[in-house]
N, C-alpha and C. Protein backbone atom coordinates (compact mmCIF):
# COMPACT_ATOMS: atom_id res chain seq x y z
N MET A 1 -15.34 63.62 51.44
CA MET A 1 -15.94 63.95 50.29
C MET A 1 -16.73 64.52 51.09
N ASP A 2 -17.64 65.87 50.54
CA ASP A 2 -18.47 66.74 50.64
C ASP A 2 -19.70 66.35 49.56
N PHE A 3 -21.14 65.74 50.39
CA PHE A 3 -22.21 65.19 49.96
C PHE A 3 -23.32 65.09 50.66
N ILE A 4 -24.33 65.47 50.42
CA ILE A 4 -25.96 65.20 50.77
C ILE A 4 -26.57 64.17 50.18
N LEU A 5 -26.90 63.06 50.61
CA LEU A 5 -27.75 61.87 50.12
C LEU A 5 -29.14 62.40 50.30
N VAL A 6 -29.58 62.44 48.39
CA VAL A 6 -30.70 62.75 48.41
C VAL A 6 -31.43 61.60 47.38
N GLY A 7 -32.94 61.78 47.12
CA GLY A 7 -33.35 60.64 46.27
C GLY A 7 -33.56 59.59 47.05
N GLY A 8 -33.92 58.41 46.51
CA GLY A 8 -34.55 57.18 46.58
C GLY A 8 -34.25 56.44 48.00
N VAL A 9 -32.83 56.35 47.97
CA VAL A 9 -32.02 56.00 49.32
C VAL A 9 -32.35 56.88 50.55
N CYS A 10 -32.07 58.21 50.11
CA CYS A 10 -32.39 59.32 51.43
C CYS A 10 -34.30 58.97 51.89
N ALA A 11 -35.08 58.49 50.89
CA ALA A 11 -36.04 58.10 51.11
C ALA A 11 -36.57 57.07 51.94
N VAL A 12 -35.71 56.21 51.85
CA VAL A 12 -36.04 54.52 52.28
C VAL A 12 -35.07 55.03 53.66
N LEU A 13 -33.68 55.45 53.83
CA LEU A 13 -33.54 55.76 55.28
C LEU A 13 -34.38 56.74 56.47
N HIS A 14 -35.15 57.36 55.68
CA HIS A 14 -36.54 58.12 56.22
C HIS A 14 -37.58 57.33 56.88
N GLY A 15 -37.73 56.03 56.26
CA GLY A 15 -38.50 55.31 56.65
C GLY A 15 -39.37 54.81 55.25
N ALA A 16 -39.45 55.84 53.84
CA ALA A 16 -40.45 55.48 52.92
C ALA A 16 -40.38 54.46 52.17
N PRO A 17 -41.42 53.62 52.51
CA PRO A 17 -41.33 52.20 51.68
C PRO A 17 -41.36 51.83 50.22
N VAL A 18 -40.18 52.62 49.50
CA VAL A 18 -39.76 52.57 48.02
C VAL A 18 -38.86 51.59 47.79
N THR A 19 -38.54 51.47 46.83
CA THR A 19 -37.30 50.57 46.31
C THR A 19 -36.97 51.75 45.16
N THR A 20 -35.12 51.31 45.41
CA THR A 20 -34.77 52.58 44.11
C THR A 20 -33.14 51.69 43.86
N PHE A 21 -32.70 51.65 42.52
CA PHE A 21 -31.70 51.10 42.11
C PHE A 21 -30.46 52.29 41.87
N ASP A 22 -30.19 53.30 42.18
CA ASP A 22 -29.38 54.27 41.98
C ASP A 22 -29.12 55.02 43.38
N LEU A 23 -27.86 55.75 44.02
CA LEU A 23 -27.59 56.18 44.81
C LEU A 23 -27.30 57.55 44.11
N ASP A 24 -28.06 58.86 44.73
CA ASP A 24 -28.28 60.14 44.31
C ASP A 24 -28.02 61.02 45.72
N LEU A 25 -26.77 61.67 44.82
CA LEU A 25 -25.66 62.68 45.82
C LEU A 25 -25.71 64.06 44.97
N VAL A 26 -25.85 64.80 46.00
CA VAL A 26 -25.78 66.11 45.17
C VAL A 26 -23.98 66.44 46.07
N HIS A 27 -22.91 66.87 45.27
CA HIS A 27 -21.64 67.24 45.88
C HIS A 27 -21.31 68.91 46.08
N SER A 28 -20.95 68.80 46.89
CA SER A 28 -20.15 70.49 46.99
C SER A 28 -18.91 70.33 45.62
N ARG A 29 -18.92 71.36 44.79
CA ARG A 29 -18.42 71.67 43.53
C ARG A 29 -17.29 72.62 44.05
N ALA A 30 -17.22 72.60 45.45
CA ALA A 30 -15.68 73.31 45.51
C ALA A 30 -14.79 72.69 44.80
N PRO A 31 -13.39 73.38 44.53
CA PRO A 31 -12.04 72.61 43.50
C PRO A 31 -11.58 71.23 44.85
N GLU A 32 -11.38 71.89 45.84
CA GLU A 32 -11.15 70.34 46.74
C GLU A 32 -11.58 69.34 46.70
N ASN A 33 -13.15 69.52 47.01
CA ASN A 33 -13.88 68.39 47.06
C ASN A 33 -14.33 67.87 45.40
N ILE A 34 -13.74 68.31 44.63
CA ILE A 34 -14.13 67.66 43.04
C ILE A 34 -13.13 66.70 42.94
N GLU A 35 -11.83 66.93 43.46
CA GLU A 35 -10.89 66.24 43.68
C GLU A 35 -10.83 64.77 44.33
N ARG A 36 -11.75 65.43 45.57
CA ARG A 36 -11.68 64.17 46.46
C ARG A 36 -12.59 63.23 45.43
N LEU A 37 -13.47 63.80 45.00
CA LEU A 37 -14.32 63.23 44.58
C LEU A 37 -14.34 62.36 43.03
N LEU A 38 -13.39 62.86 41.95
CA LEU A 38 -12.69 62.61 41.37
C LEU A 38 -11.89 61.39 41.37
N ALA A 39 -10.88 61.70 42.66
CA ALA A 39 -10.15 60.24 42.98
C ALA A 39 -10.91 59.01 43.60
N SER A 40 -12.21 59.17 44.38
CA SER A 40 -13.16 58.40 44.84
C SER A 40 -13.90 57.47 43.46
N LEU A 41 -14.03 58.39 42.52
CA LEU A 41 -14.48 57.78 41.42
C LEU A 41 -13.79 56.60 40.40
N ARG A 42 -12.47 57.30 40.88
CA ARG A 42 -11.40 56.18 39.65
C ARG A 42 -11.48 54.98 40.14
N ASP A 43 -11.33 55.09 42.01
CA ASP A 43 -11.44 53.76 42.61
C ASP A 43 -12.89 53.13 42.59
N LEU A 44 -13.76 53.45 42.10
CA LEU A 44 -15.25 52.92 41.79
C LEU A 44 -15.18 52.30 40.51
N ASP A 45 -14.22 52.90 39.42
CA ASP A 45 -14.10 52.81 37.91
C ASP A 45 -15.49 53.15 37.53
N ALA A 46 -15.85 54.46 37.73
CA ALA A 46 -16.88 55.27 37.44
C ALA A 46 -16.73 55.31 35.63
N PHE A 47 -17.97 55.48 35.08
CA PHE A 47 -18.04 55.67 33.96
C PHE A 47 -19.79 56.04 33.68
N TYR A 48 -19.71 57.19 32.20
CA TYR A 48 -20.93 57.39 31.93
C TYR A 48 -22.12 56.22 31.64
N ARG A 49 -23.37 56.01 32.35
CA ARG A 49 -24.25 54.98 31.54
C ARG A 49 -25.04 55.14 30.64
N VAL A 50 -24.91 56.83 29.74
CA VAL A 50 -26.06 56.70 28.93
C VAL A 50 -25.36 56.42 27.71
N ARG A 51 -24.25 56.50 27.53
CA ARG A 51 -23.83 55.95 26.08
C ARG A 51 -23.08 54.26 26.67
N LYS A 52 -23.46 53.44 25.71
CA LYS A 52 -23.37 51.69 25.98
C LYS A 52 -22.26 51.40 24.89
N ASP A 53 -21.83 52.07 23.70
CA ASP A 53 -21.28 51.96 22.85
C ASP A 53 -19.74 52.79 23.13
N ILE A 54 -19.59 53.88 23.96
CA ILE A 54 -18.41 54.11 24.51
C ILE A 54 -18.35 54.38 25.84
N ARG A 55 -17.26 54.20 26.80
CA ARG A 55 -16.83 54.56 28.04
C ARG A 55 -16.26 55.71 28.39
N VAL A 56 -17.14 57.12 28.73
CA VAL A 56 -16.48 58.31 29.08
C VAL A 56 -16.65 58.03 30.67
N ILE A 57 -14.99 58.68 30.95
CA ILE A 57 -14.69 58.87 32.64
C ILE A 57 -14.87 60.45 32.91
N PRO A 58 -15.89 60.48 33.79
CA PRO A 58 -16.29 61.74 34.26
C PRO A 58 -14.86 62.85 34.58
N ASP A 59 -14.72 64.09 34.31
CA ASP A 59 -13.67 64.94 34.84
C ASP A 59 -14.19 66.06 35.76
N GLU A 60 -13.24 67.04 35.87
CA GLU A 60 -13.37 68.07 36.53
C GLU A 60 -14.43 68.97 35.79
N SER A 61 -14.26 69.04 35.06
CA SER A 61 -15.22 70.03 34.10
C SER A 61 -16.66 69.42 34.39
N HIS A 62 -16.92 68.42 34.13
CA HIS A 62 -18.28 67.46 34.52
C HIS A 62 -18.93 67.81 35.66
N LEU A 63 -18.11 67.59 36.78
CA LEU A 63 -18.62 67.74 38.24
C LEU A 63 -18.87 69.11 38.81
N ARG A 64 -17.84 70.35 38.03
CA ARG A 64 -18.18 71.47 38.26
C ARG A 64 -19.79 72.09 37.65
N SER A 65 -20.16 71.48 36.71
CA SER A 65 -21.46 71.91 36.22
C SER A 65 -22.67 71.70 37.51
N SER A 66 -23.72 72.31 36.99
CA SER A 66 -24.75 72.24 38.04
C SER A 66 -25.44 70.97 37.46
N GLY A 67 -25.14 70.41 36.51
CA GLY A 67 -26.34 69.06 35.81
C GLY A 67 -26.08 67.73 36.31
N HIS A 68 -26.51 66.70 36.00
CA HIS A 68 -26.52 65.44 36.40
C HIS A 68 -25.81 64.40 35.92
N GLN A 69 -24.81 63.93 36.72
CA GLN A 69 -23.80 63.27 36.13
C GLN A 69 -24.32 61.50 36.25
N LEU A 70 -24.97 61.17 35.19
CA LEU A 70 -25.32 59.56 35.74
C LEU A 70 -24.44 58.44 35.40
N LEU A 71 -23.80 58.29 36.47
CA LEU A 71 -22.94 57.14 36.07
C LEU A 71 -23.16 55.41 36.85
N MET A 72 -22.14 54.96 35.76
CA MET A 72 -22.02 53.53 36.58
C MET A 72 -20.84 53.00 37.52
N THR A 73 -20.86 52.50 38.62
CA THR A 73 -19.66 51.98 38.72
C THR A 73 -19.69 50.36 39.17
N ARG A 74 -18.71 49.82 39.73
CA ARG A 74 -18.47 48.54 39.97
C ARG A 74 -19.60 47.97 41.07
N PHE A 75 -19.89 49.35 41.83
CA PHE A 75 -20.87 48.83 42.74
C PHE A 75 -22.47 49.00 42.81
N GLY A 76 -22.66 49.85 41.13
CA GLY A 76 -24.12 49.80 40.28
C GLY A 76 -23.99 51.26 40.48
N PRO A 77 -25.41 51.92 40.11
CA PRO A 77 -25.87 53.41 39.54
C PRO A 77 -25.56 53.99 40.69
N LEU A 78 -24.74 55.48 39.91
CA LEU A 78 -24.28 56.35 40.92
C LEU A 78 -24.71 57.81 40.11
N ASP A 79 -25.77 58.64 40.62
CA ASP A 79 -26.24 59.87 40.02
C ASP A 79 -25.34 61.14 41.12
N LEU A 80 -24.46 61.41 40.01
CA LEU A 80 -23.74 62.94 41.01
C LEU A 80 -24.50 64.25 40.38
N LEU A 81 -24.95 64.81 41.47
CA LEU A 81 -26.34 66.16 40.74
C LEU A 81 -25.58 67.20 41.73
N GLY A 82 -24.84 68.40 40.37
CA GLY A 82 -24.77 69.44 40.79
C GLY A 82 -25.72 70.45 41.54
N THR A 83 -26.92 70.08 41.48
CA THR A 83 -28.17 70.82 41.65
C THR A 83 -29.32 69.93 41.69
N ILE A 84 -30.55 70.22 42.36
CA ILE A 84 -31.44 69.51 42.15
C ILE A 84 -32.59 70.46 42.80
N GLY A 85 -33.82 70.45 41.95
CA GLY A 85 -35.22 70.89 42.20
C GLY A 85 -34.84 72.31 41.18
N LYS A 86 -34.93 73.20 41.91
CA LYS A 86 -35.36 74.60 41.02
C LYS A 86 -34.08 75.35 41.32
N GLY A 87 -32.37 74.33 41.34
CA GLY A 87 -31.34 74.81 41.40
C GLY A 87 -30.93 74.90 42.66
N HIS A 88 -31.18 74.18 43.47
CA HIS A 88 -30.62 73.93 45.38
C HIS A 88 -29.20 73.09 44.87
N ALA A 89 -28.37 73.99 45.63
CA ALA A 89 -27.19 73.44 45.40
C ALA A 89 -26.59 72.63 46.81
N TYR A 90 -25.42 72.25 46.89
CA TYR A 90 -24.77 71.98 48.35
C TYR A 90 -24.70 72.61 49.58
N GLU A 91 -24.57 73.82 48.95
CA GLU A 91 -24.34 75.11 49.80
C GLU A 91 -25.86 75.34 50.54
N ASP A 92 -26.89 75.10 49.30
CA ASP A 92 -28.00 75.58 49.90
C ASP A 92 -28.63 74.70 50.72
N LEU A 93 -28.57 73.36 50.27
CA LEU A 93 -29.11 71.94 51.13
C LEU A 93 -28.82 71.97 52.20
N ALA A 94 -27.41 72.20 52.53
CA ALA A 94 -26.66 72.00 53.84
C ALA A 94 -27.33 71.97 55.08
N LYS A 95 -28.17 73.20 55.04
CA LYS A 95 -28.98 73.58 56.36
C LYS A 95 -30.00 72.27 56.32
N HIS A 96 -30.46 71.75 55.69
CA HIS A 96 -31.41 70.90 55.27
C HIS A 96 -31.07 69.34 55.78
N THR A 97 -30.10 69.19 56.43
CA THR A 97 -29.86 67.93 56.20
C THR A 97 -30.14 67.21 57.95
N GLU A 98 -29.98 65.77 58.33
CA GLU A 98 -29.34 64.97 59.24
C GLU A 98 -28.16 64.19 58.89
N LYS A 99 -27.62 63.95 60.29
CA LYS A 99 -26.43 63.31 59.98
C LYS A 99 -26.61 62.12 60.54
N LEU A 100 -26.20 60.90 59.92
CA LEU A 100 -26.22 59.67 60.04
C LEU A 100 -24.97 59.11 60.06
N GLU A 101 -24.83 57.99 61.26
CA GLU A 101 -23.06 57.16 61.46
C GLU A 101 -23.56 56.14 60.81
N VAL A 102 -23.19 55.92 59.80
CA VAL A 102 -23.01 54.39 59.18
C VAL A 102 -21.70 53.75 58.98
N ASP A 103 -21.23 52.53 59.75
CA ASP A 103 -20.43 52.08 59.68
C ASP A 103 -18.96 52.93 59.93
N GLY A 104 -19.11 53.74 60.92
CA GLY A 104 -18.29 54.89 61.20
C GLY A 104 -18.15 55.47 60.14
N MET A 105 -18.53 56.01 59.38
CA MET A 105 -18.84 57.00 58.63
C MET A 105 -20.05 58.02 58.79
N THR A 106 -19.67 59.77 58.47
CA THR A 106 -20.87 60.33 59.03
C THR A 106 -21.48 60.79 57.56
N ILE A 107 -22.67 60.70 57.54
CA ILE A 107 -23.24 61.26 55.94
C ILE A 107 -24.27 61.79 56.20
N TYR A 108 -24.65 62.74 55.25
CA TYR A 108 -25.62 63.80 55.58
C TYR A 108 -26.47 63.76 54.76
N VAL A 109 -27.89 63.57 55.00
CA VAL A 109 -28.97 63.16 54.11
C VAL A 109 -30.38 64.17 54.46
N LEU A 110 -31.09 64.39 53.15
CA LEU A 110 -31.69 65.84 53.28
C LEU A 110 -32.85 65.00 53.94
N THR A 111 -33.29 66.24 55.01
CA THR A 111 -34.30 65.90 55.50
C THR A 111 -35.48 65.44 54.73
N LEU A 112 -36.60 64.54 55.24
CA LEU A 112 -37.86 64.51 54.51
C LEU A 112 -38.52 65.34 54.02
N ARG A 113 -38.85 66.41 54.74
CA ARG A 113 -39.70 67.45 54.61
C ARG A 113 -38.97 68.39 52.81
N LYS A 114 -37.44 68.34 53.29
CA LYS A 114 -36.81 69.16 52.03
C LYS A 114 -37.19 68.46 51.15
N LEU A 115 -36.50 66.80 51.08
CA LEU A 115 -37.07 66.11 49.99
C LEU A 115 -38.29 66.17 49.10
N ILE A 116 -39.48 66.52 50.44
CA ILE A 116 -40.45 66.94 49.53
C ILE A 116 -40.86 68.03 48.83
N GLU A 117 -40.30 69.35 49.51
CA GLU A 117 -40.18 69.96 48.49
C GLU A 117 -39.62 70.21 47.25
N VAL A 118 -38.56 69.48 47.47
CA VAL A 118 -37.89 69.31 46.20
C VAL A 118 -38.46 68.71 44.65
N LYS A 119 -38.82 68.11 45.50
CA LYS A 119 -39.31 66.72 44.40
C LYS A 119 -41.10 67.53 43.94
N GLU A 120 -41.16 68.68 44.78
CA GLU A 120 -42.82 69.29 44.60
C GLU A 120 -42.52 70.34 44.02
N GLU A 121 -41.20 70.90 43.59
CA GLU A 121 -41.05 72.02 42.34
C GLU A 121 -40.83 71.36 41.04
N THR A 122 -40.36 70.02 40.89
CA THR A 122 -40.19 70.05 39.54
C THR A 122 -41.07 68.33 39.43
N ILE A 123 -42.05 68.58 40.36
CA ILE A 123 -42.86 67.45 39.78
C ILE A 123 -43.09 66.69 38.69
N ARG A 124 -42.33 65.52 38.22
CA ARG A 124 -42.33 64.78 36.96
C ARG A 124 -43.40 63.71 37.39
N GLU A 125 -43.72 63.10 36.33
CA GLU A 125 -45.03 62.04 36.39
C GLU A 125 -44.40 61.10 36.93
N LYS A 126 -43.22 60.32 36.86
CA LYS A 126 -42.63 59.57 38.02
C LYS A 126 -42.70 59.48 39.34
N ASP A 127 -42.72 61.20 39.85
CA ASP A 127 -42.40 61.69 41.30
C ASP A 127 -43.61 61.59 41.71
N LYS A 128 -44.90 61.67 41.01
CA LYS A 128 -46.42 61.63 41.78
C LYS A 128 -46.53 60.71 42.45
N ALA A 129 -46.62 59.74 42.77
CA ALA A 129 -46.79 58.27 43.52
C ALA A 129 -45.81 58.64 43.97
N LEU A 130 -44.86 58.77 44.04
CA LEU A 130 -43.46 58.52 45.30
C LEU A 130 -43.95 59.65 46.43
N LEU A 131 -44.35 60.96 45.61
CA LEU A 131 -44.83 62.26 46.77
C LEU A 131 -46.02 61.75 47.66
N LEU A 132 -46.91 61.03 47.11
CA LEU A 132 -47.86 60.46 48.23
C LEU A 132 -47.31 59.25 49.35
N ILE A 133 -46.30 58.98 48.69
CA ILE A 133 -45.56 57.94 49.61
C ILE A 133 -44.78 58.89 50.61
N LEU A 134 -44.43 59.84 50.21
CA LEU A 134 -43.03 60.43 51.16
C LEU A 134 -43.93 61.29 51.91
N ARG A 135 -44.84 61.82 51.87
CA ARG A 135 -46.15 62.95 52.42
C ARG A 135 -46.73 62.24 53.67
N GLN A 136 -46.98 61.18 53.10
CA GLN A 136 -47.52 59.83 54.38
C GLN A 136 -46.36 59.31 55.12
N THR A 137 -45.16 59.38 54.79
CA THR A 137 -43.93 58.55 55.57
C THR A 137 -43.55 59.92 56.57
N LEU A 138 -44.05 61.27 56.23
CA LEU A 138 -43.51 62.47 57.32
C LEU A 138 -44.67 62.47 57.91
N LYS A 139 -45.65 62.13 57.33
CA LYS A 139 -47.28 61.95 58.36
C LYS A 139 -46.80 60.83 59.68
N GLU A 140 -46.38 60.10 59.18
CA GLU A 140 -46.65 58.97 60.36
C GLU A 140 -45.14 59.27 61.40
N LYS A 141 -44.49 59.87 60.41
CA LYS A 141 -42.84 60.36 61.66
C LYS A 141 -43.38 61.12 62.37
N SER A 142 -44.08 62.33 61.87
CA SER A 142 -44.62 63.37 62.94
C SER A 142 -45.76 62.93 63.86
N LYS A 143 -46.00 61.60 64.05
CA LYS A 143 -46.69 61.40 65.22
C LYS A 143 -46.13 60.79 66.28
N LYS A 144 -44.74 60.31 65.76
CA LYS A 144 -44.19 59.49 66.98
C LYS A 144 -43.27 60.36 67.77
């Protein structure tokens, strides 16, 4: 699957002292990637977590959109994002990633600098404190 790790887990991997409860991924919306993603979501028993009274399973049309798919899996919350910030899609963000090897798997993580830029574009109340932490983390990393 083609995806970029963003959000809180991305910040943690860059050394930011934050806590998060979900995994945020910007995924490629190319048809072949959506097929792979849907197969993985079936394996994870993924469903939308916004409605507790009904169990809605993501489909191809959901994953092709630029919106946010807020899912629950058997391992916890997963947010699949078509775009972040002011419309940054997978293809736009790919050049702003760092490659990590985790248990033999290659994962692309948004750079800390780009994560800060995206958060600044759409600054929400909950992101104000996070931005202070991210900027300080970047400052500390730059010293090394």
